[in-house]
């Protein structure tokens, strides 16, 4: 749970997986539109700014690349570049139950346990009905992309997972919520952020992240954030830092 004592705008880089947010108090807005108390967000094309009112309290659940589809029991690509009320994806009763449990459990450790139990029920219930079965090959492909920080070619990933390119693209998109190439670019963006935070120069970062040159990295970064790496990192706006270190 993250308590925010003063009004705050937070810059959100695109994640590599679905994100669920449960707000316990206060209010929040995205693009000047109020957000519901429980939302689910798919993989995004661009960075965004979310505004939190003073004394807001939120719980953020960042799924693994395949975890969102498993918990929702549906295609993750239906949420691509979208942020929706959670009740559009989960039964309202389940949402109210977990919200009530969190409200009655102020201790963070117990809240984490309650959320874990809630997600386990969603994923492992014997009575579950799912529109999507998560393939071990797709799970392996997502791990390869994250492990190599997006530097593997898609052909290499297809070969190592014993899949055709078309099957990989189709199943990956449905399970992860973006194509292998899109996830690779996001994984590399996150790696760039981690390297910057380690104190390296842009030239060193571009070489380590596998870009052909620094200008290539800057163009890619601007596509996602609307600003250069230097402008973005020197901004006073808080960033969703935990995503860099998954």
C-alpha atoms as a PDB file:
ATOM      1  CA  UNK A   1       0.000   0.000   0.000  1.00  0.00           C
ATOM      2  CA  UNK A   2       1.328   3.446  -0.935  1.00  0.00           C
ATOM      3  CA  UNK A   3       0.008   6.378   1.196  1.00  0.00           C
ATOM      4  CA  UNK A   4       0.344   9.785  -0.489  1.00  0.00           C
ATOM      5  CA  UNK A   5       0.275  12.629   2.038  1.00  0.00           C
ATOM      6  CA  UNK A   6       0.149  15.440  -0.533  1.00  0.00           C
ATOM      7  CA  UNK A   7      -1.321  15.771  -4.043  1.00  0.00           C
ATOM      8  CA  UNK A   8       1.074  14.106  -6.432  1.00  0.00           C
ATOM      9  CA  UNK A   9       1.529  13.473 -10.142  1.00  0.00           C
ATOM     10  CA  UNK A  10       3.413  10.298 -11.018  1.00  0.00           C
ATOM     11  CA  UNK A  11       4.947   9.567 -14.399  1.00  0.00           C
ATOM     12  CA  UNK A  12       4.161   6.007 -15.476  1.00  0.00           C
ATOM     13  CA  UNK A  13       6.414   4.300 -17.972  1.00  0.00           C
ATOM     14  CA  UNK A  14       4.763   1.555 -20.019  1.00  0.00           C
ATOM     15  CA  UNK A  15       4.917  -1.721 -18.099  1.00  0.00           C
ATOM     16  CA  UNK A  16       5.826  -5.107 -19.575  1.00  0.00           C
ATOM     17  CA  UNK A  17       2.698  -6.706 -18.095  1.00  0.00           C
ATOM     18  CA  UNK A  18      -0.812  -5.946 -16.875  1.00  0.00           C
ATOM     19  CA  UNK A  19      -1.241  -3.804 -13.765  1.00  0.00           C
ATOM     20  CA  UNK A  20      -4.111  -3.832 -11.269  1.00  0.00           C
ATOM     21  CA  UNK A  21      -4.690  -0.927  -8.873  1.00  0.00           C
ATOM     22  CA  UNK A  22      -7.000  -0.981  -5.847  1.00  0.00           C
ATOM     23  CA  UNK A  23      -7.535   2.413  -4.209  1.00  0.00           C
ATOM     24  CA  UNK A  24      -8.445   2.403  -0.525  1.00  0.00           C
ATOM     25  CA  UNK A  25      -8.872   6.150  -0.022  1.00  0.00           C
ATOM     26  CA  UNK A  26      -8.586   9.474  -1.847  1.00  0.00           C
ATOM     27  CA  UNK A  27      -9.017   9.910  -5.589  1.00  0.00           C
ATOM     28  CA  UNK A  28      -7.011   9.733  -8.791  1.00  0.00           C
ATOM     29  CA  UNK A  29      -7.303  10.919 -12.374  1.00  0.00           C
ATOM     30  CA  UNK A  30      -5.775  10.033 -15.731  1.00  0.00           C
ATOM     31  CA  UNK A  31      -5.894  12.535 -18.613  1.00  0.00           C
ATOM     32  CA  UNK A  32      -8.077  14.712 -16.325  1.00  0.00           C
ATOM     33  CA  UNK A  33     -10.671  11.936 -16.069  1.00  0.00           C
ATOM     34  CA  UNK A  34     -11.443  10.436 -12.621  1.00  0.00           C
ATOM     35  CA  UNK A  35     -10.391   6.816 -12.166  1.00  0.00           C
ATOM     36  CA  UNK A  36     -12.561   4.162 -10.487  1.00  0.00           C
ATOM     37  CA  UNK A  37     -11.454   2.706  -7.146  1.00  0.00           C
ATOM     38  CA  UNK A  38     -10.358  -0.519  -8.863  1.00  0.00           C
ATOM     39  CA  UNK A  39      -8.781  -0.575 -12.322  1.00  0.00           C
ATOM     40  CA  UNK A  40      -6.918  -2.910 -14.651  1.00  0.00           C
ATOM     41  CA  UNK A  41      -4.426  -1.540 -17.155  1.00  0.00           C
ATOM     42  CA  UNK A  42      -2.995  -3.307 -20.194  1.00  0.00           C
ATOM     43  CA  UNK A  43       0.358  -2.742 -21.845  1.00  0.00           C
ATOM     44  CA  UNK A  44       0.619   0.852 -23.048  1.00  0.00           C
ATOM     45  CA  UNK A  45       2.047   2.609 -26.089  1.00  0.00           C
ATOM     46  CA  UNK A  46       3.252   5.708 -24.234  1.00  0.00           C
ATOM     47  CA  UNK A  47       4.175   6.932 -20.776  1.00  0.00           C
ATOM     48  CA  UNK A  48       1.350   8.621 -18.852  1.00  0.00           C
ATOM     49  CA  UNK A  49       0.846  10.941 -15.886  1.00  0.00           C
ATOM     50  CA  UNK A  50      -1.588   9.970 -13.139  1.00  0.00           C
ATOM     51  CA  UNK A  51      -2.667  12.526 -10.533  1.00  0.00           C
ATOM     52  CA  UNK A  52      -3.352  11.414  -6.948  1.00  0.00           C
ATOM     53  CA  UNK A  53      -5.244  13.561  -4.437  1.00  0.00           C
ATOM     54  CA  UNK A  54      -3.809  14.172  -0.981  1.00  0.00           C
ATOM     55  CA  UNK A  55      -4.153  11.284   1.503  1.00  0.00           C
ATOM     56  CA  UNK A  56      -4.763   8.760  -1.249  1.00  0.00           C
ATOM     57  CA  UNK A  57      -3.907   5.165  -0.438  1.00  0.00           C
ATOM     58  CA  UNK A  58      -3.440   2.582  -3.187  1.00  0.00           C
ATOM     59  CA  UNK A  59      -2.415  -1.022  -3.669  1.00  0.00           C
ATOM     60  CA  UNK A  60      -0.600  -1.751  -6.950  1.00  0.00           C
ATOM     61  CA  UNK A  61      -0.364  -5.299  -8.312  1.00  0.00           C
ATOM     62  CA  UNK A  62       2.179  -5.751 -11.085  1.00  0.00           C
ATOM     63  CA  UNK A  63       1.686  -9.100 -12.779  1.00  0.00           C
ATOM     64  CA  UNK A  64       4.331 -11.171 -14.485  1.00  0.00           C
ATOM     65  CA  UNK A  65       4.128 -11.124 -18.262  1.00  0.00           C
ATOM     66  CA  UNK A  66       1.792 -14.154 -18.289  1.00  0.00           C
ATOM     67  CA  UNK A  67       0.233 -13.625 -14.859  1.00  0.00           C
ATOM     68  CA  UNK A  68      -2.418 -11.156 -15.962  1.00  0.00           C
ATOM     69  CA  UNK A  69      -4.002 -13.495 -18.476  1.00  0.00           C
ATOM     70  CA  UNK A  70      -3.923 -16.361 -15.950  1.00  0.00           C
ATOM     71  CA  UNK A  71      -5.651 -14.254 -13.271  1.00  0.00           C
ATOM     72  CA  UNK A  72      -8.219 -12.733 -15.615  1.00  0.00           C
ATOM     73  CA  UNK A  73      -8.789 -16.051 -17.403  1.00  0.00           C
ATOM     74  CA  UNK A  74      -8.999 -14.151 -20.658  1.00  0.00           C
ATOM     75  CA  UNK A  75      -6.909 -12.682 -23.467  1.00  0.00           C
ATOM     76  CA  UNK A  76      -4.525  -9.975 -22.284  1.00  0.00           C
ATOM     77  CA  UNK A  77      -4.464  -8.258 -25.672  1.00  0.00           C
ATOM     78  CA  UNK A  78      -8.066  -7.132 -25.151  1.00  0.00           C
ATOM     79  CA  UNK A  79      -6.581  -4.583 -22.723  1.00  0.00           C
ATOM     80  CA  UNK A  80      -3.800  -3.325 -25.003  1.00  0.00           C
ATOM     81  CA  UNK A  81      -3.369   0.444 -24.563  1.00  0.00           C
ATOM     82  CA  UNK A  82      -6.487   0.541 -22.371  1.00  0.00           C
ATOM     83  CA  UNK A  83      -7.249   1.242 -18.702  1.00  0.00           C
ATOM     84  CA  UNK A  84     -10.631  -0.057 -17.558  1.00  0.00           C
ATOM     85  CA  UNK A  85     -12.683  -0.462 -14.386  1.00  0.00           C
ATOM     86  CA  UNK A  86     -11.687  -3.785 -12.855  1.00  0.00           C
ATOM     87  CA  UNK A  87     -15.310  -4.930 -12.910  1.00  0.00           C
ATOM     88  CA  UNK A  88     -15.039  -5.023 -16.706  1.00  0.00           C
ATOM     89  CA  UNK A  89     -12.703  -8.003 -16.245  1.00  0.00           C
ATOM     90  CA  UNK A  90     -13.635  -9.553 -12.878  1.00  0.00           C
ATOM     91  CA  UNK A  91     -16.930 -10.189 -11.061  1.00  0.00           C
ATOM     92  CA  UNK A  92     -17.937  -7.220  -8.896  1.00  0.00           C
ATOM     93  CA  UNK A  93     -18.492  -9.482  -5.879  1.00  0.00           C
ATOM     94  CA  UNK A  94     -14.879 -10.696  -5.951  1.00  0.00           C
ATOM     95  CA  UNK A  95     -13.609  -7.119  -6.195  1.00  0.00           C
ATOM     96  CA  UNK A  96     -15.751  -5.961  -3.272  1.00  0.00           C
ATOM     97  CA  UNK A  97     -14.595  -8.907  -1.159  1.00  0.00           C
ATOM     98  CA  UNK A  98     -10.906  -8.184  -1.648  1.00  0.00           C
ATOM     99  CA  UNK A  99     -11.425  -4.429  -1.170  1.00  0.00           C
ATOM    100  CA  UNK A 100     -13.252  -5.066   2.103  1.00  0.00           C
ATOM    101  CA  UNK A 101     -10.520  -7.434   3.248  1.00  0.00           C
ATOM    102  CA  UNK A 102      -7.835  -4.823   2.542  1.00  0.00           C
ATOM    103  CA  UNK A 103      -9.834  -2.108   4.322  1.00  0.00           C
ATOM    104  CA  UNK A 104     -10.053  -4.277   7.440  1.00  0.00           C
ATOM    105  CA  UNK A 105      -6.375  -5.252   7.339  1.00  0.00           C
ATOM    106  CA  UNK A 106      -4.125  -2.223   7.956  1.00  0.00           C
ATOM    107  CA  UNK A 107      -0.922  -4.255   8.291  1.00  0.00           C
ATOM    108  CA  UNK A 108       0.927  -4.378   4.957  1.00  0.00           C
ATOM    109  CA  UNK A 109       2.158  -7.958   5.400  1.00  0.00           C
ATOM    110  CA  UNK A 110      -1.386  -9.200   5.958  1.00  0.00           C
ATOM    111  CA  UNK A 111      -2.655  -7.196   2.987  1.00  0.00           C
ATOM    112  CA  UNK A 112      -0.058  -8.860   0.777  1.00  0.00           C
ATOM    113  CA  UNK A 113      -1.154 -12.276   2.040  1.00  0.00           C
ATOM    114  CA  UNK A 114      -4.816 -11.447   1.358  1.00  0.00           C
ATOM    115  CA  UNK A 115      -4.001 -10.341  -2.202  1.00  0.00           C
ATOM    116  CA  UNK A 116      -1.930 -13.459  -2.805  1.00  0.00           C
ATOM    117  CA  UNK A 117      -4.815 -15.631  -1.645  1.00  0.00           C
ATOM    118  CA  UNK A 118      -7.230 -13.713  -3.883  1.00  0.00           C
ATOM    119  CA  UNK A 119      -4.998 -14.192  -6.947  1.00  0.00           C
ATOM    120  CA  UNK A 120      -4.330 -17.859  -6.168  1.00  0.00           C
ATOM    121  CA  UNK A 121      -8.072 -18.483  -6.123  1.00  0.00           C
ATOM    122  CA  UNK A 122      -8.379 -16.796  -9.490  1.00  0.00           C
ATOM    123  CA  UNK A 123      -5.542 -18.805 -11.051  1.00  0.00           C
ATOM    124  CA  UNK A 124      -5.820 -22.225  -9.421  1.00  0.00           C
ATOM    125  CA  UNK A 125      -9.532 -22.683  -8.660  1.00  0.00           C
ATOM    126  CA  UNK A 126     -10.787 -26.115  -9.698  1.00  0.00           C
ATOM    127  CA  UNK A 127     -14.011 -24.517 -10.889  1.00  0.00           C
ATOM    128  CA  UNK A 128     -12.277 -21.957 -13.078  1.00  0.00           C
ATOM    129  CA  UNK A 129     -13.503 -21.404 -16.612  1.00  0.00           C
ATOM    130  CA  UNK A 130     -10.972 -19.760 -18.893  1.00  0.00           C
ATOM    131  CA  UNK A 131     -10.988 -18.321 -22.391  1.00  0.00           C
ATOM    132  CA  UNK A 132      -7.226 -18.839 -22.575  1.00  0.00           C
ATOM    133  CA  UNK A 133      -4.740 -21.548 -21.613  1.00  0.00           C
ATOM    134  CA  UNK A 134      -1.233 -20.239 -20.885  1.00  0.00           C
ATOM    135  CA  UNK A 135       1.314 -22.236 -22.862  1.00  0.00           C
ATOM    136  CA  UNK A 136       4.665 -23.152 -21.237  1.00  0.00           C
ATOM    137  CA  UNK A 137       6.298 -22.155 -24.522  1.00  0.00           C
ATOM    138  CA  UNK A 138       4.853 -18.637 -24.284  1.00  0.00           C
ATOM    139  CA  UNK A 139       5.950 -18.413 -20.657  1.00  0.00           C
ATOM    140  CA  UNK A 140       9.465 -19.425 -21.758  1.00  0.00           C
ATOM    141  CA  UNK A 141       9.410 -16.862 -24.588  1.00  0.00           C
ATOM    142  CA  UNK A 142       8.435 -14.048 -22.197  1.00  0.00           C
ATOM    143  CA  UNK A 143      11.210 -15.066 -19.801  1.00  0.00           C
ATOM    144  CA  UNK A 144      13.723 -15.063 -22.634  1.00  0.00           C
ATOM    145  CA  UNK A 145      12.755 -11.543 -23.621  1.00  0.00           C
ATOM    146  CA  UNK A 146      12.988 -10.236 -20.048  1.00  0.00           C
ATOM    147  CA  UNK A 147      16.177 -12.157 -19.331  1.00  0.00           C
ATOM    148  CA  UNK A 148      17.944 -10.784 -22.421  1.00  0.00           C
ATOM    149  CA  UNK A 149      16.435  -7.281 -21.944  1.00  0.00           C
ATOM    150  CA  UNK A 150      14.793  -7.465 -25.351  1.00  0.00           C
ATOM    151  CA  UNK A 151      17.968  -8.199 -27.300  1.00  0.00           C
ATOM    152  CA  UNK A 152      17.000 -11.588 -28.798  1.00  0.00           C
ATOM    153  CA  UNK A 153      15.606 -11.627 -32.322  1.00  0.00           C
ATOM    154  CA  UNK A 154      12.050 -12.922 -32.636  1.00  0.00           C
ATOM    155  CA  UNK A 155      13.340 -15.681 -34.942  1.00  0.00           C
ATOM    156  CA  UNK A 156      15.724 -16.820 -32.188  1.00  0.00           C
ATOM    157  CA  UNK A 157      12.903 -16.912 -29.643  1.00  0.00           C
ATOM    158  CA  UNK A 158      10.680 -18.909 -32.012  1.00  0.00           C
ATOM    159  CA  UNK A 159      13.474 -21.405 -32.677  1.00  0.00           C
ATOM    160  CA  UNK A 160      14.320 -21.884 -28.993  1.00  0.00           C
ATOM    161  CA  UNK A 161      10.677 -22.394 -28.046  1.00  0.00           C
ATOM    162  CA  UNK A 162      10.101 -24.764 -30.998  1.00  0.00           C
ATOM    163  CA  UNK A 163       7.326 -22.603 -32.435  1.00  0.00           C
ATOM    164  CA  UNK A 164       6.659 -21.171 -35.854  1.00  0.00           C
ATOM    165  CA  UNK A 165       6.844 -17.391 -36.099  1.00  0.00           C
ATOM    166  CA  UNK A 166       3.115 -17.121 -36.789  1.00  0.00           C
ATOM    167  CA  UNK A 167       2.150 -19.346 -33.837  1.00  0.00           C
ATOM    168  CA  UNK A 168       4.499 -17.467 -31.528  1.00  0.00           C
ATOM    169  CA  UNK A 169       3.116 -14.091 -32.587  1.00  0.00           C
ATOM    170  CA  UNK A 170      -0.519 -15.179 -32.269  1.00  0.00           C
ATOM    171  CA  UNK A 171      -0.284 -16.964 -28.917  1.00  0.00           C
ATOM    172  CA  UNK A 172       2.119 -14.437 -27.413  1.00  0.00           C
ATOM    173  CA  UNK A 173      -0.134 -11.496 -28.274  1.00  0.00           C
ATOM    174  CA  UNK A 174      -3.142 -13.154 -26.651  1.00  0.00           C
ATOM    175  CA  UNK A 175      -1.319 -14.228 -23.485  1.00  0.00           C
ATOM    176  CA  UNK A 176       1.044 -11.323 -22.829  1.00  0.00           C
ATOM    177  CA  UNK A 177      -1.008  -8.509 -24.315  1.00  0.00           C
ATOM    178  CA  UNK A 178       1.498  -7.339 -26.928  1.00  0.00           C
ATOM    179  CA  UNK A 179       3.607  -8.847 -29.696  1.00  0.00           C
ATOM    180  CA  UNK A 180       7.068 -10.303 -28.940  1.00  0.00           C
ATOM    181  CA  UNK A 181       8.640  -7.310 -30.689  1.00  0.00           C
ATOM    182  CA  UNK A 182       6.611  -4.816 -28.645  1.00  0.00           C
ATOM    183  CA  UNK A 183       7.521  -6.556 -25.388  1.00  0.00           C
ATOM    184  CA  UNK A 184      11.177  -6.636 -26.436  1.00  0.00           C
ATOM    185  CA  UNK A 185      11.184  -2.872 -26.940  1.00  0.00           C
ATOM    186  CA  UNK A 186       9.562  -2.321 -23.542  1.00  0.00           C
ATOM    187  CA  UNK A 187      12.020  -4.672 -21.843  1.00  0.00           C
ATOM    188  CA  UNK A 188      14.901  -2.757 -23.391  1.00  0.00           C
ATOM    189  CA  UNK A 189      13.374   0.560 -22.268  1.00  0.00           C
ATOM    190  CA  UNK A 190      13.277  -0.720 -18.683  1.00  0.00           C
ATOM    191  CA  UNK A 191      16.868  -1.896 -18.981  1.00  0.00           C
ATOM    192  CA  UNK A 192      17.926   1.553 -20.160  1.00  0.00           C
ATOM    193  CA  UNK A 193      16.259   3.060 -17.081  1.00  0.00           C
ATOM    194  CA  UNK A 194      18.064   0.649 -14.778  1.00  0.00           C
ATOM    195  CA  UNK A 195      21.414   1.410 -16.412  1.00  0.00           C
ATOM    196  CA  UNK A 196      20.812   5.156 -16.057  1.00  0.00           C
ATOM    197  CA  UNK A 197      20.098   4.723 -12.365  1.00  0.00           C
ATOM    198  CA  UNK A 198      23.425   2.901 -12.037  1.00  0.00           C
ATOM    199  CA  UNK A 199      25.208   6.114 -13.127  1.00  0.00           C
ATOM    200  CA  UNK A 200      26.340   5.184 -16.648  1.00  0.00           C
ATOM    201  CA  UNK A 201      26.609   7.626 -19.548  1.00  0.00           C
ATOM    202  CA  UNK A 202      24.154   7.555 -22.461  1.00  0.00           C
ATOM    203  CA  UNK A 203      26.881   6.220 -24.755  1.00  0.00           C
ATOM    204  CA  UNK A 204      27.620   3.357 -22.360  1.00  0.00           C
ATOM    205  CA  UNK A 205      23.917   2.660 -21.893  1.00  0.00           C
ATOM    206  CA  UNK A 206      23.239   2.511 -25.655  1.00  0.00           C
ATOM    207  CA  UNK A 207      26.071   0.015 -26.171  1.00  0.00           C
ATOM    208  CA  UNK A 208      25.084  -2.160 -23.192  1.00  0.00           C
ATOM    209  CA  UNK A 209      21.397  -2.196 -24.199  1.00  0.00           C
ATOM    210  CA  UNK A 210      22.247  -3.350 -27.725  1.00  0.00           C
ATOM    211  CA  UNK A 211      21.319  -0.245 -29.713  1.00  0.00           C
ATOM    212  CA  UNK A 212      23.219   0.453 -32.910  1.00  0.00           C
ATOM    213  CA  UNK A 213      24.141   3.891 -31.565  1.00  0.00           C
ATOM    214  CA  UNK A 214      23.064   6.521 -29.024  1.00  0.00           C
ATOM    215  CA  UNK A 215      20.737   8.322 -31.451  1.00  0.00           C
ATOM    216  CA  UNK A 216      18.823   5.066 -32.032  1.00  0.00           C
ATOM    217  CA  UNK A 217      18.287   4.720 -28.285  1.00  0.00           C
ATOM    218  CA  UNK A 218      17.185   8.350 -27.941  1.00  0.00           C
ATOM    219  CA  UNK A 219      14.637   7.963 -30.759  1.00  0.00           C
ATOM    220  CA  UNK A 220      13.209   4.826 -29.162  1.00  0.00           C
ATOM    221  CA  UNK A 221      13.045   6.508 -25.770  1.00  0.00           C
ATOM    222  CA  UNK A 222      11.288   9.561 -27.185  1.00  0.00           C
ATOM    223  CA  UNK A 223       8.722   7.328 -28.863  1.00  0.00           C
ATOM    224  CA  UNK A 224       7.668   5.923 -25.479  1.00  0.00           C
ATOM    225  CA  UNK A 225       8.064   8.988 -23.266  1.00  0.00           C
ATOM    226  CA  UNK A 226       7.837  12.048 -25.516  1.00  0.00           C
ATOM    227  CA  UNK A 227      11.187  13.333 -24.226  1.00  0.00           C
ATOM    228  CA  UNK A 228      14.880  12.505 -24.394  1.00  0.00           C
ATOM    229  CA  UNK A 229      16.404  10.238 -21.720  1.00  0.00           C
ATOM    230  CA  UNK A 230      18.185  13.203 -20.106  1.00  0.00           C
ATOM    231  CA  UNK A 231      15.023  15.322 -19.971  1.00  0.00           C
ATOM    232  CA  UNK A 232      12.983  12.445 -18.603  1.00  0.00           C
ATOM    233  CA  UNK A 233      15.394  11.401 -15.877  1.00  0.00           C
ATOM    234  CA  UNK A 234      16.089  14.937 -14.696  1.00  0.00           C
ATOM    235  CA  UNK A 235      12.387  15.704 -14.393  1.00  0.00           C
ATOM    236  CA  UNK A 236      11.157  16.393 -10.867  1.00  0.00           C
ATOM    237  CA  UNK A 237       8.101  14.146 -11.374  1.00  0.00           C
ATOM    238  CA  UNK A 238       8.240  10.845  -9.472  1.00  0.00           C
ATOM    239  CA  UNK A 239       8.534   7.726 -11.616  1.00  0.00           C
ATOM    240  CA  UNK A 240       7.204   4.191 -11.224  1.00  0.00           C
ATOM    241  CA  UNK A 241      10.690   3.012 -10.231  1.00  0.00           C
ATOM    242  CA  UNK A 242       9.825  -0.505  -9.048  1.00  0.00           C
ATOM    243  CA  UNK A 243       9.186  -1.581 -12.617  1.00  0.00           C
ATOM    244  CA  UNK A 244      12.865  -1.165 -13.497  1.00  0.00           C
ATOM    245  CA  UNK A 245      14.020  -3.865 -11.126  1.00  0.00           C
ATOM    246  CA  UNK A 246      11.641  -6.767 -11.770  1.00  0.00           C
END
